[in-house]
Amino acid sequence: MKNNKNMDICKDNGILLIESNLVKYNYEVVNVGGESEKQLFNSVYKDIAEAFGIDTAIQIYQMYKGTQVSFPTRLFNPEYVKKQIPIEYDGTNVKQLAKKYGYSEKTIRRMLKNSI
C-alpha cells in the first residue's frame, strides 16, 4: 500500500483510514460518515461513536482493542488531591472541597489534619 498525505495506515487488523470518513477494513472500504453507519460498530464503540464521533471511536479502538480498561471512580490522582487540599483550604470550604474532589467531608478534614 502507498502512504500519502491523505492516508493513515494502521498496521494491525488490515485497517486503513482513508481521508476522514472512510475506513478500509479487511480490504473493503466502508463509508462510516452517516448516522446509520454507527450501527456498524460493536457495543462500546457504538456508544463512543454516538457520544464523541466516529473518528474518536476508531482512535480508541486502535489504542485499546483487546485491553480491559477500567475507569477509577475519582478523576484526580489522590496524591495531587492530598497536596491541593491544604493549599485550597480557606478555613470554611470543607464542603466545597469534598464536592470538587469527590471525597467525603470527613476525608477532607483528615487530609487537612495529616498535612499539618
N, C-alpha and C. Protein backbone atom coordinates (compact mmCIF):
# COMPACT_ATOMS: atom_id res chain seq x y z
N MET A 1 0.83 -1.19 0.00
CA MET A 1 0.00 0.00 0.00
C MET A 1 0.87 1.25 0.00
N LYS A 2 0.42 2.24 -0.70
CA LYS A 2 1.13 3.51 -0.73
C LYS A 2 0.73 4.34 0.47
N ASN A 3 1.65 5.12 0.96
CA ASN A 3 1.36 6.01 2.07
C ASN A 3 1.47 7.44 1.55
N ASN A 4 0.36 8.20 1.57
CA ASN A 4 0.42 9.59 1.17
C ASN A 4 -0.23 10.46 2.24
N LYS A 5 -0.31 11.77 1.97
CA LYS A 5 -0.80 12.68 2.99
C LYS A 5 -2.27 12.48 3.35
N ASN A 6 -3.04 11.82 2.51
CA ASN A 6 -4.46 11.59 2.80
C ASN A 6 -4.73 10.23 3.44
N MET A 7 -3.69 9.47 3.70
CA MET A 7 -3.90 8.13 4.25
C MET A 7 -3.10 7.95 5.53
N ASP A 8 -3.73 7.29 6.48
CA ASP A 8 -3.06 6.94 7.73
C ASP A 8 -3.13 5.43 7.84
N ILE A 9 -2.01 4.76 7.68
CA ILE A 9 -2.00 3.31 7.66
C ILE A 9 -1.89 2.78 9.08
N CYS A 10 -2.80 1.91 9.45
CA CYS A 10 -2.75 1.23 10.73
C CYS A 10 -2.24 -0.18 10.45
N LYS A 11 -1.24 -0.64 11.19
CA LYS A 11 -0.55 -1.88 10.88
C LYS A 11 -1.28 -3.13 11.33
N ASP A 12 -2.33 -2.99 12.14
CA ASP A 12 -2.99 -4.18 12.65
C ASP A 12 -4.38 -4.34 12.07
N ASN A 13 -4.84 -5.57 11.98
CA ASN A 13 -6.18 -5.92 11.52
C ASN A 13 -6.53 -5.44 10.13
N GLY A 14 -5.55 -5.07 9.34
CA GLY A 14 -5.82 -4.66 7.98
C GLY A 14 -6.68 -3.43 7.86
N ILE A 15 -6.60 -2.53 8.82
CA ILE A 15 -7.41 -1.32 8.79
C ILE A 15 -6.61 -0.19 8.17
N LEU A 16 -7.23 0.53 7.28
CA LEU A 16 -6.60 1.69 6.65
C LEU A 16 -7.60 2.83 6.70
N LEU A 17 -7.23 3.91 7.37
CA LEU A 17 -8.10 5.08 7.40
C LEU A 17 -7.80 5.90 6.16
N ILE A 18 -8.83 6.19 5.41
CA ILE A 18 -8.68 6.96 4.18
C ILE A 18 -9.48 8.24 4.33
N GLU A 19 -8.79 9.35 4.22
CA GLU A 19 -9.40 10.65 4.42
C GLU A 19 -10.12 10.63 5.76
N SER A 20 -11.25 11.28 5.89
CA SER A 20 -11.84 11.40 7.21
C SER A 20 -12.94 10.40 7.51
N ASN A 21 -13.78 10.07 6.54
CA ASN A 21 -14.96 9.27 6.86
C ASN A 21 -15.01 7.90 6.19
N LEU A 22 -13.90 7.44 5.69
CA LEU A 22 -13.88 6.12 5.08
C LEU A 22 -12.94 5.21 5.86
N VAL A 23 -13.34 3.98 6.05
CA VAL A 23 -12.50 3.01 6.74
C VAL A 23 -12.33 1.80 5.84
N LYS A 24 -11.09 1.40 5.60
CA LYS A 24 -10.85 0.18 4.85
C LYS A 24 -10.58 -0.90 5.86
N TYR A 25 -11.44 -1.87 5.91
CA TYR A 25 -11.33 -2.96 6.87
C TYR A 25 -11.39 -4.27 6.10
N ASN A 26 -10.37 -5.06 6.24
CA ASN A 26 -10.29 -6.33 5.51
C ASN A 26 -10.49 -6.13 4.01
N TYR A 27 -9.82 -5.12 3.48
CA TYR A 27 -9.76 -4.85 2.06
C TYR A 27 -11.07 -4.35 1.44
N GLU A 28 -12.03 -3.94 2.27
CA GLU A 28 -13.24 -3.33 1.74
C GLU A 28 -13.36 -1.94 2.35
N VAL A 29 -13.75 -0.98 1.52
CA VAL A 29 -13.92 0.38 2.01
C VAL A 29 -15.37 0.58 2.43
N VAL A 30 -15.56 1.08 3.64
CA VAL A 30 -16.89 1.31 4.18
C VAL A 30 -16.99 2.79 4.53
N ASN A 31 -18.04 3.44 4.07
CA ASN A 31 -18.28 4.83 4.43
C ASN A 31 -18.95 4.84 5.80
N VAL A 32 -18.29 5.45 6.78
CA VAL A 32 -18.82 5.50 8.14
C VAL A 32 -19.15 6.93 8.53
N GLY A 33 -19.51 7.74 7.58
CA GLY A 33 -19.77 9.15 7.86
C GLY A 33 -21.20 9.46 8.27
N GLY A 34 -22.15 8.62 7.94
CA GLY A 34 -23.54 8.93 8.22
C GLY A 34 -23.98 8.40 9.57
N GLU A 35 -25.15 8.85 9.99
CA GLU A 35 -25.70 8.47 11.29
C GLU A 35 -25.95 6.97 11.38
N SER A 36 -26.51 6.38 10.30
CA SER A 36 -26.84 4.96 10.33
C SER A 36 -25.60 4.06 10.34
N GLU A 37 -24.48 4.58 9.88
CA GLU A 37 -23.26 3.78 9.85
C GLU A 37 -22.71 3.49 11.24
N LYS A 38 -23.16 4.25 12.24
CA LYS A 38 -22.72 3.98 13.62
C LYS A 38 -23.18 2.60 14.06
N GLN A 39 -24.21 2.07 13.40
CA GLN A 39 -24.71 0.74 13.72
C GLN A 39 -23.69 -0.34 13.35
N LEU A 40 -22.70 0.01 12.53
CA LEU A 40 -21.66 -0.94 12.16
C LEU A 40 -20.78 -1.31 13.34
N PHE A 41 -20.68 -0.40 14.30
CA PHE A 41 -19.75 -0.60 15.41
C PHE A 41 -20.32 -1.54 16.46
N ASN A 42 -19.42 -2.21 17.14
CA ASN A 42 -19.74 -3.16 18.19
C ASN A 42 -19.90 -2.44 19.52
N SER A 43 -20.87 -2.79 20.30
CA SER A 43 -21.20 -2.36 21.65
C SER A 43 -20.61 -1.02 22.09
N VAL A 44 -19.54 -1.05 22.83
CA VAL A 44 -18.99 0.16 23.43
C VAL A 44 -18.48 1.14 22.38
N TYR A 45 -17.99 0.64 21.25
CA TYR A 45 -17.52 1.54 20.19
C TYR A 45 -18.70 2.32 19.59
N LYS A 46 -19.86 1.70 19.54
CA LYS A 46 -21.07 2.37 19.07
C LYS A 46 -21.42 3.51 20.03
N ASP A 47 -21.36 3.23 21.33
CA ASP A 47 -21.66 4.26 22.34
C ASP A 47 -20.68 5.42 22.23
N ILE A 48 -19.41 5.10 22.05
CA ILE A 48 -18.37 6.13 21.92
C ILE A 48 -18.60 6.95 20.65
N ALA A 49 -18.92 6.28 19.55
CA ALA A 49 -19.17 6.98 18.29
C ALA A 49 -20.36 7.93 18.40
N GLU A 50 -21.39 7.49 19.09
CA GLU A 50 -22.56 8.35 19.26
C GLU A 50 -22.27 9.55 20.15
N ALA A 51 -21.46 9.35 21.19
CA ALA A 51 -21.18 10.42 22.14
C ALA A 51 -20.08 11.37 21.66
N PHE A 52 -19.05 10.82 21.00
CA PHE A 52 -17.86 11.62 20.70
C PHE A 52 -17.47 11.67 19.23
N GLY A 53 -18.12 10.88 18.41
CA GLY A 53 -17.83 10.88 16.99
C GLY A 53 -17.13 9.61 16.55
N ILE A 54 -17.28 9.32 15.28
CA ILE A 54 -16.75 8.09 14.70
C ILE A 54 -15.22 8.07 14.73
N ASP A 55 -14.59 9.20 14.42
CA ASP A 55 -13.12 9.25 14.43
C ASP A 55 -12.56 8.92 15.80
N THR A 56 -13.21 9.41 16.85
CA THR A 56 -12.77 9.12 18.22
C THR A 56 -12.94 7.65 18.53
N ALA A 57 -14.06 7.07 18.13
CA ALA A 57 -14.30 5.64 18.37
C ALA A 57 -13.22 4.79 17.70
N ILE A 58 -12.85 5.16 16.49
CA ILE A 58 -11.81 4.42 15.77
C ILE A 58 -10.45 4.57 16.46
N GLN A 59 -10.15 5.78 16.92
CA GLN A 59 -8.87 6.00 17.62
C GLN A 59 -8.81 5.20 18.91
N ILE A 60 -9.91 5.18 19.66
CA ILE A 60 -9.93 4.40 20.90
C ILE A 60 -9.79 2.92 20.60
N TYR A 61 -10.47 2.47 19.57
CA TYR A 61 -10.34 1.07 19.15
C TYR A 61 -8.88 0.73 18.85
N GLN A 62 -8.23 1.59 18.07
CA GLN A 62 -6.84 1.32 17.70
C GLN A 62 -5.91 1.33 18.91
N MET A 63 -6.18 2.19 19.88
CA MET A 63 -5.30 2.29 21.04
C MET A 63 -5.53 1.18 22.06
N TYR A 64 -6.78 0.77 22.27
CA TYR A 64 -7.09 -0.09 23.41
C TYR A 64 -7.74 -1.43 23.06
N LYS A 65 -7.87 -1.76 21.80
CA LYS A 65 -8.56 -3.01 21.46
C LYS A 65 -7.90 -4.21 22.15
N GLY A 66 -8.74 -5.07 22.66
CA GLY A 66 -8.25 -6.26 23.35
C GLY A 66 -7.79 -6.01 24.77
N THR A 67 -7.81 -4.77 25.21
CA THR A 67 -7.35 -4.42 26.55
C THR A 67 -8.56 -4.17 27.44
N GLN A 68 -8.54 -4.73 28.63
CA GLN A 68 -9.62 -4.44 29.57
C GLN A 68 -9.28 -3.13 30.27
N VAL A 69 -10.16 -2.17 30.15
CA VAL A 69 -9.93 -0.85 30.71
C VAL A 69 -10.96 -0.58 31.78
N SER A 70 -10.51 -0.11 32.94
CA SER A 70 -11.45 0.32 33.98
C SER A 70 -11.15 1.77 34.32
N PHE A 71 -12.18 2.50 34.63
CA PHE A 71 -12.02 3.91 34.94
C PHE A 71 -12.22 4.11 36.43
N PRO A 72 -11.22 4.72 37.11
CA PRO A 72 -11.36 4.96 38.55
C PRO A 72 -12.57 5.85 38.84
N THR A 73 -13.14 5.67 40.00
CA THR A 73 -14.29 6.46 40.42
C THR A 73 -13.93 7.93 40.52
N ARG A 74 -12.73 8.21 40.97
CA ARG A 74 -12.29 9.59 41.14
C ARG A 74 -11.42 10.00 39.96
N LEU A 75 -11.64 11.22 39.50
CA LEU A 75 -10.91 11.75 38.36
C LEU A 75 -9.47 12.11 38.71
N PHE A 76 -9.27 12.72 39.88
CA PHE A 76 -7.96 13.25 40.23
C PHE A 76 -7.11 12.24 40.99
N ASN A 77 -5.80 12.31 40.76
CA ASN A 77 -4.82 11.48 41.45
C ASN A 77 -4.86 11.80 42.95
N PRO A 78 -4.97 10.78 43.83
CA PRO A 78 -5.06 11.03 45.27
C PRO A 78 -3.87 11.81 45.83
N GLU A 79 -2.68 11.59 45.29
CA GLU A 79 -1.52 12.34 45.77
C GLU A 79 -1.64 13.83 45.43
N TYR A 80 -2.16 14.12 44.27
CA TYR A 80 -2.41 15.51 43.88
C TYR A 80 -3.42 16.15 44.82
N VAL A 81 -4.50 15.42 45.13
CA VAL A 81 -5.55 15.94 46.00
C VAL A 81 -4.99 16.22 47.39
N LYS A 82 -4.17 15.30 47.92
CA LYS A 82 -3.58 15.50 49.25
C LYS A 82 -2.74 16.76 49.31
N LYS A 83 -2.10 17.10 48.22
CA LYS A 83 -1.28 18.32 48.17
C LYS A 83 -2.15 19.57 47.97
N GLN A 84 -3.22 19.45 47.18
CA GLN A 84 -4.06 20.59 46.85
C GLN A 84 -4.98 21.02 47.98
N ILE A 85 -5.48 20.08 48.75
CA ILE A 85 -6.45 20.39 49.80
C ILE A 85 -5.93 21.46 50.76
N PRO A 86 -4.73 21.31 51.32
CA PRO A 86 -4.24 22.37 52.23
C PRO A 86 -4.04 23.71 51.53
N ILE A 87 -3.68 23.67 50.26
CA ILE A 87 -3.47 24.91 49.51
C ILE A 87 -4.80 25.64 49.29
N GLU A 88 -5.85 24.89 48.96
CA GLU A 88 -7.14 25.49 48.64
C GLU A 88 -8.02 25.76 49.86
N TYR A 89 -7.67 25.16 50.97
CA TYR A 89 -8.50 25.30 52.18
C TYR A 89 -8.40 26.72 52.72
N ASP A 90 -9.58 27.34 52.96
CA ASP A 90 -9.59 28.70 53.49
C ASP A 90 -10.19 28.80 54.89
N GLY A 91 -10.42 27.65 55.51
CA GLY A 91 -10.99 27.62 56.86
C GLY A 91 -12.49 27.41 56.88
N THR A 92 -13.15 27.58 55.73
CA THR A 92 -14.61 27.45 55.69
C THR A 92 -15.13 26.60 54.53
N ASN A 93 -14.26 26.08 53.70
CA ASN A 93 -14.73 25.45 52.45
C ASN A 93 -14.54 23.93 52.38
N VAL A 94 -14.66 23.25 53.51
CA VAL A 94 -14.53 21.79 53.52
C VAL A 94 -15.57 21.14 52.61
N LYS A 95 -16.80 21.60 52.69
CA LYS A 95 -17.88 21.02 51.89
C LYS A 95 -17.60 21.20 50.40
N GLN A 96 -17.15 22.38 49.99
CA GLN A 96 -16.87 22.64 48.58
C GLN A 96 -15.71 21.79 48.08
N LEU A 97 -14.67 21.63 48.92
CA LEU A 97 -13.53 20.80 48.52
C LEU A 97 -13.93 19.34 48.40
N ALA A 98 -14.78 18.88 49.31
CA ALA A 98 -15.26 17.49 49.26
C ALA A 98 -16.02 17.25 47.96
N LYS A 99 -16.87 18.19 47.60
CA LYS A 99 -17.65 18.05 46.37
C LYS A 99 -16.75 18.13 45.14
N LYS A 100 -15.83 19.07 45.14
CA LYS A 100 -14.93 19.27 43.99
C LYS A 100 -14.10 18.03 43.70
N TYR A 101 -13.55 17.40 44.74
CA TYR A 101 -12.63 16.28 44.54
C TYR A 101 -13.29 14.91 44.72
N GLY A 102 -14.58 14.87 45.09
CA GLY A 102 -15.28 13.59 45.19
C GLY A 102 -14.96 12.80 46.43
N TYR A 103 -14.65 13.47 47.52
CA TYR A 103 -14.38 12.82 48.80
C TYR A 103 -15.41 13.26 49.81
N SER A 104 -15.49 12.54 50.92
CA SER A 104 -16.38 12.96 52.00
C SER A 104 -15.74 14.12 52.76
N GLU A 105 -16.57 14.87 53.48
CA GLU A 105 -16.05 15.96 54.30
C GLU A 105 -15.09 15.42 55.37
N LYS A 106 -15.42 14.26 55.91
CA LYS A 106 -14.57 13.62 56.93
C LYS A 106 -13.18 13.34 56.35
N THR A 107 -13.13 12.84 55.13
CA THR A 107 -11.84 12.55 54.50
C THR A 107 -11.06 13.84 54.24
N ILE A 108 -11.75 14.89 53.84
CA ILE A 108 -11.07 16.18 53.62
C ILE A 108 -10.47 16.68 54.92
N ARG A 109 -11.25 16.59 56.00
CA ARG A 109 -10.73 17.01 57.32
C ARG A 109 -9.51 16.18 57.72
N ARG A 110 -9.56 14.88 57.43
CA ARG A 110 -8.42 14.01 57.75
C ARG A 110 -7.21 14.41 56.95
N MET A 111 -7.39 14.73 55.67
CA MET A 111 -6.27 15.18 54.83
C MET A 111 -5.68 16.48 55.39
N LEU A 112 -6.54 17.37 55.83
CA LEU A 112 -6.07 18.63 56.41
C LEU A 112 -5.29 18.39 57.69
N LYS A 113 -5.80 17.50 58.51
CA LYS A 113 -5.13 17.17 59.78
C LYS A 113 -3.77 16.55 59.52
N ASN A 114 -3.71 15.63 58.55
CA ASN A 114 -2.44 14.95 58.24
C ASN A 114 -1.43 15.85 57.54
N SER A 115 -1.90 16.96 56.98
CA SER A 115 -0.98 17.85 56.25
C SER A 115 -0.26 18.82 57.19
N ILE A 116 -0.72 18.91 58.41
CA ILE A 116 -0.12 19.85 59.38
C ILE A 116 1.21 19.35 59.89
